[in-house]
């Protein structure tokens, strides 16, 4: 919108434009253009006041940034859309197969702590040298951390669920190595073992054989030569949660909410899980799976799952380990108000 300084300027400009419009209409009606121009020459002359008004109008239109701003915003919006579209196309067609993580909760907490301590030193390349993770996987892990720095494990059940998936992937890896050794596909030759892993493992785990992380599998639960965080996310979250004062509505909602898994059960499951992780990590340190391969060679009726189950059982009550997380029942009232709590790690 262009606003003129004085009402007089507006009146002169409008009358001049009206005269020009009338003159153009008369020009179209008559064929004698030269005579018309002579008769209306006085009407078309621009007075000094008219010249100043037109100059002010032109300057206002030139200095008006609303159109340039709108065009720039439209251009930035189109660039953003093209960038998002290119990222989606790259992710679908050129990002490669998915890479399932074999790092435990403890190892991821350590990587997060190292990256936050010195991000320039602990880049994706450095992390892939100290942990069983590829360079691409380390870049994705750091990208997720930068994108959501407050992403953390809120409960012990989340940790149990995460590490249970890691244990399953470790067992797939061990079963593939043992099967390759039993059927003479790979004995003590490292290159043959890597070839077997890159072809026999599920698609999400084949990166283990392609990137040669066998020597770093012992650090899947964290690298003891590197510093660990002084406080885990679960410990920090529980500390903040213990100081939370429930409100009146939360007290009412808690009457209708029944937890599916008690704290004692979670602690018992976690203790068994830590024992299993420790035993599996001890195998990865030596990379000696003869406790499985020798019985499999001598008895065809045995399977890796049977031998591994007998070897991992440390507690006669194995039902807790078999069902680390009970089925969830959707509650009518969501009374888990602690999800909105924000916290910071307490460095001691």
Foldseek 3Di string as FASTA:
>chain_A
DDDDDDPVLVVVQVVLVVLVVVLVVVCVVDDPNVVSCVVCVVSNDQDPSPVVSVVSVVVCVVPDCPVVVVVVVVVVVVVVVVVVVVVVVCVVPPPFFAADALAAQQALQQLLVVCVVPVVVSALVNVVVQAVDDSSRSVVSVVVCVVPVQDADAALLVRLVRNVVSVVLLLLLVQQQLVCCLVVQDPPDLLSSLVSLLPVGPRNHNVCSVVVCLQRNLCSHHDPVGDGAPDHPNRQNVVVVVPDDDDPVLVVVVVQDDDPDDPVLSVVLVVLSVQLVVVSSVCSNVVDPCQQNVVVNVDVVDGSVVSVVVVSDDDPPCPCNVPVDDDDDDGPDDSPPSVPDGGDDDHD
